[in-house]
Amino acid sequence: MIHIESTKDVNASPDAVWAFISDPSTWSQWMTIYDQFVEEPPAALSQGTTMVARVKAFGMSNNVEMTIDSIDAPNTLKLNVAGGAGAAGTADFVFEVQPTADGSTITMSFEVKGVASRGPMGKTVEAVAIDQTNQTLAQLVDIVLA
């Protein structure tokens, strides 16, 4: 299993940050692996909500099923991603937003399980995941502040 966590501070309220995290229509603007929805996502997210999306990683696109494991507005979104054909594992994303004196702290955790997390493949997946997690958080902060 691979576990990566990254944190960023932003001079914006938790509600302002949450507006982007909880709105799938904005994900293409800040979530680096996200490409597009294959099926229209629901207007509101809730526990158990399932969406089919196309993601891109390692230069390849793949349809995945994204399921909301839990949601606690405006603090936590836990999302499970199960790959389509040829996928070598599953991933869990957790977005946490905590209020601070100057705005919010955003923490993104990314966990990969299965064949993709072991051996030489696991080391490559881990390096890419660290980069993608940091880029995703940076882009989220940029869009929140725009």
C-alpha atoms as a PDB file:
ATOM      1  CA  MET A   1       0.000   0.000   0.000  1.00  0.00           C
ATOM      2  CA  ILE A   2       1.174   3.519  -0.804  1.00  0.00           C
ATOM      3  CA  HIS A   3       0.083   6.431   1.389  1.00  0.00           C
ATOM      4  CA  ILE A   4       0.807  10.046   0.509  1.00  0.00           C
ATOM      5  CA  GLU A   5      -0.355  13.155   2.316  1.00  0.00           C
ATOM      6  CA  SER A   6       0.149  16.808   1.481  1.00  0.00           C
ATOM      7  CA  THR A   7      -1.059  19.969   3.213  1.00  0.00           C
ATOM      8  CA  LYS A   8      -1.455  23.554   2.048  1.00  0.00           C
ATOM      9  CA  ASP A   9      -2.669  26.710   3.767  1.00  0.00           C
ATOM     10  CA  VAL A  10      -4.966  29.082   1.921  1.00  0.00           C
ATOM     11  CA  ASN A  11      -6.263  32.527   2.848  1.00  0.00           C
ATOM     12  CA  ALA A  12      -9.897  31.530   2.293  1.00  0.00           C
ATOM     13  CA  SER A  13     -12.702  30.224   4.473  1.00  0.00           C
ATOM     14  CA  PRO A  14     -13.453  26.500   4.690  1.00  0.00           C
ATOM     15  CA  ASP A  15     -16.748  27.179   2.893  1.00  0.00           C
ATOM     16  CA  ALA A  16     -14.906  28.818  -0.034  1.00  0.00           C
ATOM     17  CA  VAL A  17     -12.565  25.821  -0.321  1.00  0.00           C
ATOM     18  CA  TRP A  18     -15.418  23.351   0.103  1.00  0.00           C
ATOM     19  CA  ALA A  19     -17.331  24.960  -2.769  1.00  0.00           C
ATOM     20  CA  PHE A  20     -14.699  23.537  -5.146  1.00  0.00           C
ATOM     21  CA  ILE A  21     -14.008  20.210  -3.428  1.00  0.00           C
ATOM     22  CA  SER A  22     -17.706  19.302  -3.327  1.00  0.00           C
ATOM     23  CA  ASP A  23     -18.505  20.442  -6.886  1.00  0.00           C
ATOM     24  CA  PRO A  24     -17.484  17.813  -9.461  1.00  0.00           C
ATOM     25  CA  SER A  25     -18.006  20.342 -12.265  1.00  0.00           C
ATOM     26  CA  THR A  26     -14.837  22.126 -11.033  1.00  0.00           C
ATOM     27  CA  TRP A  27     -12.623  19.045 -10.705  1.00  0.00           C
ATOM     28  CA  SER A  28     -11.170  19.377 -14.218  1.00  0.00           C
ATOM     29  CA  GLN A  29      -9.814  22.796 -13.198  1.00  0.00           C
ATOM     30  CA  TRP A  30      -7.711  21.565 -10.279  1.00  0.00           C
ATOM     31  CA  MET A  31      -7.624  17.761  -9.901  1.00  0.00           C
ATOM     32  CA  THR A  32      -4.649  16.690 -12.021  1.00  0.00           C
ATOM     33  CA  ILE A  33      -5.665  13.096 -12.776  1.00  0.00           C
ATOM     34  CA  TYR A  34      -9.265  13.949 -13.611  1.00  0.00           C
ATOM     35  CA  ASP A  35     -10.162  14.242 -17.311  1.00  0.00           C
ATOM     36  CA  GLN A  36     -13.953  14.208 -17.676  1.00  0.00           C
ATOM     37  CA  PHE A  37     -17.116  12.496 -16.522  1.00  0.00           C
ATOM     38  CA  VAL A  38     -18.335   9.639 -18.698  1.00  0.00           C
ATOM     39  CA  GLU A  39     -21.763   9.971 -17.124  1.00  0.00           C
ATOM     40  CA  GLU A  40     -23.218  13.219 -15.804  1.00  0.00           C
ATOM     41  CA  PRO A  41     -22.433  13.514 -12.076  1.00  0.00           C
ATOM     42  CA  PRO A  42     -25.234  14.239  -9.627  1.00  0.00           C
ATOM     43  CA  ALA A  43     -25.924  17.845  -8.652  1.00  0.00           C
ATOM     44  CA  ALA A  44     -25.190  17.076  -4.986  1.00  0.00           C
ATOM     45  CA  LEU A  45     -22.749  14.594  -3.495  1.00  0.00           C
ATOM     46  CA  SER A  46     -23.753  12.273  -0.682  1.00  0.00           C
ATOM     47  CA  GLN A  47     -22.438   9.087   0.893  1.00  0.00           C
ATOM     48  CA  GLY A  48     -22.736   6.255  -1.622  1.00  0.00           C
ATOM     49  CA  THR A  49     -22.888   8.526  -4.671  1.00  0.00           C
ATOM     50  CA  THR A  50     -21.185   6.780  -7.594  1.00  0.00           C
ATOM     51  CA  MET A  51     -19.793   8.547 -10.663  1.00  0.00           C
ATOM     52  CA  VAL A  52     -17.998   7.225 -13.741  1.00  0.00           C
ATOM     53  CA  ALA A  53     -15.120   9.391 -14.883  1.00  0.00           C
ATOM     54  CA  ARG A  54     -12.136   9.245 -17.192  1.00  0.00           C
ATOM     55  CA  VAL A  55      -8.809   9.779 -15.471  1.00  0.00           C
ATOM     56  CA  LYS A  56      -5.344  10.051 -16.922  1.00  0.00           C
ATOM     57  CA  ALA A  57      -2.185   8.665 -15.400  1.00  0.00           C
ATOM     58  CA  PHE A  58       1.107   7.500 -16.860  1.00  0.00           C
ATOM     59  CA  GLY A  59       0.058   8.856 -20.253  1.00  0.00           C
ATOM     60  CA  MET A  60      -3.019   6.626 -20.407  1.00  0.00           C
ATOM     61  CA  SER A  61      -6.713   7.291 -19.944  1.00  0.00           C
ATOM     62  CA  ASN A  62      -8.970   4.907 -18.091  1.00  0.00           C
ATOM     63  CA  ASN A  63     -12.601   4.931 -17.032  1.00  0.00           C
ATOM     64  CA  VAL A  64     -12.976   4.581 -13.274  1.00  0.00           C
ATOM     65  CA  GLU A  65     -15.823   4.386 -10.821  1.00  0.00           C
ATOM     66  CA  MET A  66     -15.662   7.035  -8.094  1.00  0.00           C
ATOM     67  CA  THR A  67     -17.719   6.403  -4.970  1.00  0.00           C
ATOM     68  CA  ILE A  68     -18.235   8.845  -2.105  1.00  0.00           C
ATOM     69  CA  ASP A  69     -17.275   6.853   1.003  1.00  0.00           C
ATOM     70  CA  SER A  70     -18.196   9.730   3.300  1.00  0.00           C
ATOM     71  CA  ILE A  71     -18.855  13.426   3.199  1.00  0.00           C
ATOM     72  CA  ASP A  72     -18.946  15.919   6.065  1.00  0.00           C
ATOM     73  CA  ALA A  73     -19.425  19.449   4.714  1.00  0.00           C
ATOM     74  CA  PRO A  74     -17.371  21.620   4.832  1.00  0.00           C
ATOM     75  CA  ASN A  75     -14.631  19.462   6.343  1.00  0.00           C
ATOM     76  CA  THR A  76     -14.110  16.047   4.734  1.00  0.00           C
ATOM     77  CA  LEU A  77     -14.686  14.244   1.447  1.00  0.00           C
ATOM     78  CA  LYS A  78     -13.569  10.599   1.154  1.00  0.00           C
ATOM     79  CA  LEU A  79     -13.598   9.229  -2.359  1.00  0.00           C
ATOM     80  CA  ASN A  80     -12.821   5.659  -3.480  1.00  0.00           C
ATOM     81  CA  VAL A  81     -11.630   5.137  -7.055  1.00  0.00           C
ATOM     82  CA  ALA A  82     -11.822   1.686  -8.642  1.00  0.00           C
ATOM     83  CA  GLY A  83     -10.260   1.280 -12.068  1.00  0.00           C
ATOM     84  CA  GLY A  84     -11.798  -0.152 -15.173  1.00  0.00           C
ATOM     85  CA  ALA A  85     -10.314  -2.759 -17.472  1.00  0.00           C
ATOM     86  CA  GLY A  86      -6.632  -3.337 -16.874  1.00  0.00           C
ATOM     87  CA  ALA A  87      -6.520  -1.479 -13.570  1.00  0.00           C
ATOM     88  CA  ALA A  88      -4.011  -2.813 -11.093  1.00  0.00           C
ATOM     89  CA  GLY A  89      -5.475  -1.466  -7.875  1.00  0.00           C
ATOM     90  CA  THR A  90      -7.792   0.960  -6.160  1.00  0.00           C
ATOM     91  CA  ALA A  91      -7.188   4.370  -4.677  1.00  0.00           C
ATOM     92  CA  ASP A  92      -8.705   6.383  -1.864  1.00  0.00           C
ATOM     93  CA  PHE A  93      -8.649  10.173  -1.864  1.00  0.00           C
ATOM     94  CA  VAL A  94      -9.394  12.159   1.274  1.00  0.00           C
ATOM     95  CA  PHE A  95      -9.784  15.935   1.217  1.00  0.00           C
ATOM     96  CA  GLU A  96      -9.878  17.620   4.624  1.00  0.00           C
ATOM     97  CA  VAL A  97     -10.466  21.328   5.262  1.00  0.00           C
ATOM     98  CA  GLN A  98      -9.788  22.823   8.679  1.00  0.00           C
ATOM     99  CA  PRO A  99     -10.320  26.452   9.710  1.00  0.00           C
ATOM    100  CA  THR A 100      -7.269  28.474  10.758  1.00  0.00           C
ATOM    101  CA  ALA A 101      -6.813  32.021  12.017  1.00  0.00           C
ATOM    102  CA  ASP A 102      -5.887  33.120   8.460  1.00  0.00           C
ATOM    103  CA  GLY A 103      -8.295  30.948   6.461  1.00  0.00           C
ATOM    104  CA  SER A 104      -8.007  27.192   6.002  1.00  0.00           C
ATOM    105  CA  THR A 105      -5.629  24.276   5.912  1.00  0.00           C
ATOM    106  CA  ILE A 106      -6.322  21.756   3.152  1.00  0.00           C
ATOM    107  CA  THR A 107      -4.975  18.230   3.500  1.00  0.00           C
ATOM    108  CA  MET A 108      -5.130  15.731   0.670  1.00  0.00           C
ATOM    109  CA  SER A 109      -4.396  12.078   1.358  1.00  0.00           C
ATOM    110  CA  PHE A 110      -3.953   9.566  -1.408  1.00  0.00           C
ATOM    111  CA  GLU A 111      -3.724   5.836  -0.815  1.00  0.00           C
ATOM    112  CA  VAL A 112      -3.142   3.185  -3.484  1.00  0.00           C
ATOM    113  CA  LYS A 113      -3.891  -0.490  -2.808  1.00  0.00           C
ATOM    114  CA  GLY A 114      -3.325  -3.592  -4.901  1.00  0.00           C
ATOM    115  CA  VAL A 115      -0.728  -4.653  -7.444  1.00  0.00           C
ATOM    116  CA  ALA A 116      -0.030  -1.027  -8.434  1.00  0.00           C
ATOM    117  CA  SER A 117       1.375  -0.361  -4.966  1.00  0.00           C
ATOM    118  CA  ARG A 118       3.999  -3.116  -4.889  1.00  0.00           C
ATOM    119  CA  GLY A 119       7.448  -3.748  -6.342  1.00  0.00           C
ATOM    120  CA  PRO A 120       9.017  -1.603  -9.072  1.00  0.00           C
ATOM    121  CA  MET A 121       5.567  -0.488 -10.242  1.00  0.00           C
ATOM    122  CA  GLY A 122       4.811   0.708  -6.717  1.00  0.00           C
ATOM    123  CA  LYS A 123       7.892   2.943  -6.623  1.00  0.00           C
ATOM    124  CA  THR A 124       6.890   4.563  -9.921  1.00  0.00           C
ATOM    125  CA  VAL A 125       3.280   4.968  -8.814  1.00  0.00           C
ATOM    126  CA  GLU A 126       4.431   6.511  -5.529  1.00  0.00           C
ATOM    127  CA  ALA A 127       6.699   9.074  -7.240  1.00  0.00           C
ATOM    128  CA  VAL A 128       3.956  10.103  -9.659  1.00  0.00           C
ATOM    129  CA  ALA A 129       1.349  10.210  -6.876  1.00  0.00           C
ATOM    130  CA  ILE A 130       3.500  12.537  -4.756  1.00  0.00           C
ATOM    131  CA  ASP A 131       3.882  14.907  -7.702  1.00  0.00           C
ATOM    132  CA  GLN A 132       0.180  14.738  -8.627  1.00  0.00           C
ATOM    133  CA  THR A 133      -0.943  15.285  -5.021  1.00  0.00           C
ATOM    134  CA  ASN A 134       1.223  18.395  -4.675  1.00  0.00           C
ATOM    135  CA  GLN A 135       0.080  19.740  -8.060  1.00  0.00           C
ATOM    136  CA  THR A 136      -3.575  19.083  -7.251  1.00  0.00           C
ATOM    137  CA  LEU A 137      -3.354  20.990  -3.970  1.00  0.00           C
ATOM    138  CA  ALA A 138      -1.493  23.897  -5.598  1.00  0.00           C
ATOM    139  CA  GLN A 139      -4.107  24.139  -8.360  1.00  0.00           C
ATOM    140  CA  LEU A 140      -6.943  23.934  -5.827  1.00  0.00           C
ATOM    141  CA  VAL A 141      -5.449  26.838  -3.861  1.00  0.00           C
ATOM    142  CA  ASP A 142      -5.027  28.832  -7.077  1.00  0.00           C
ATOM    143  CA  ILE A 143      -8.656  28.371  -8.130  1.00  0.00           C
ATOM    144  CA  VAL A 144      -9.980  29.121  -4.639  1.00  0.00           C
ATOM    145  CA  LEU A 145      -8.037  32.405  -4.620  1.00  0.00           C
ATOM    146  CA  ALA A 146      -8.917  33.391  -8.208  1.00  0.00           C
END
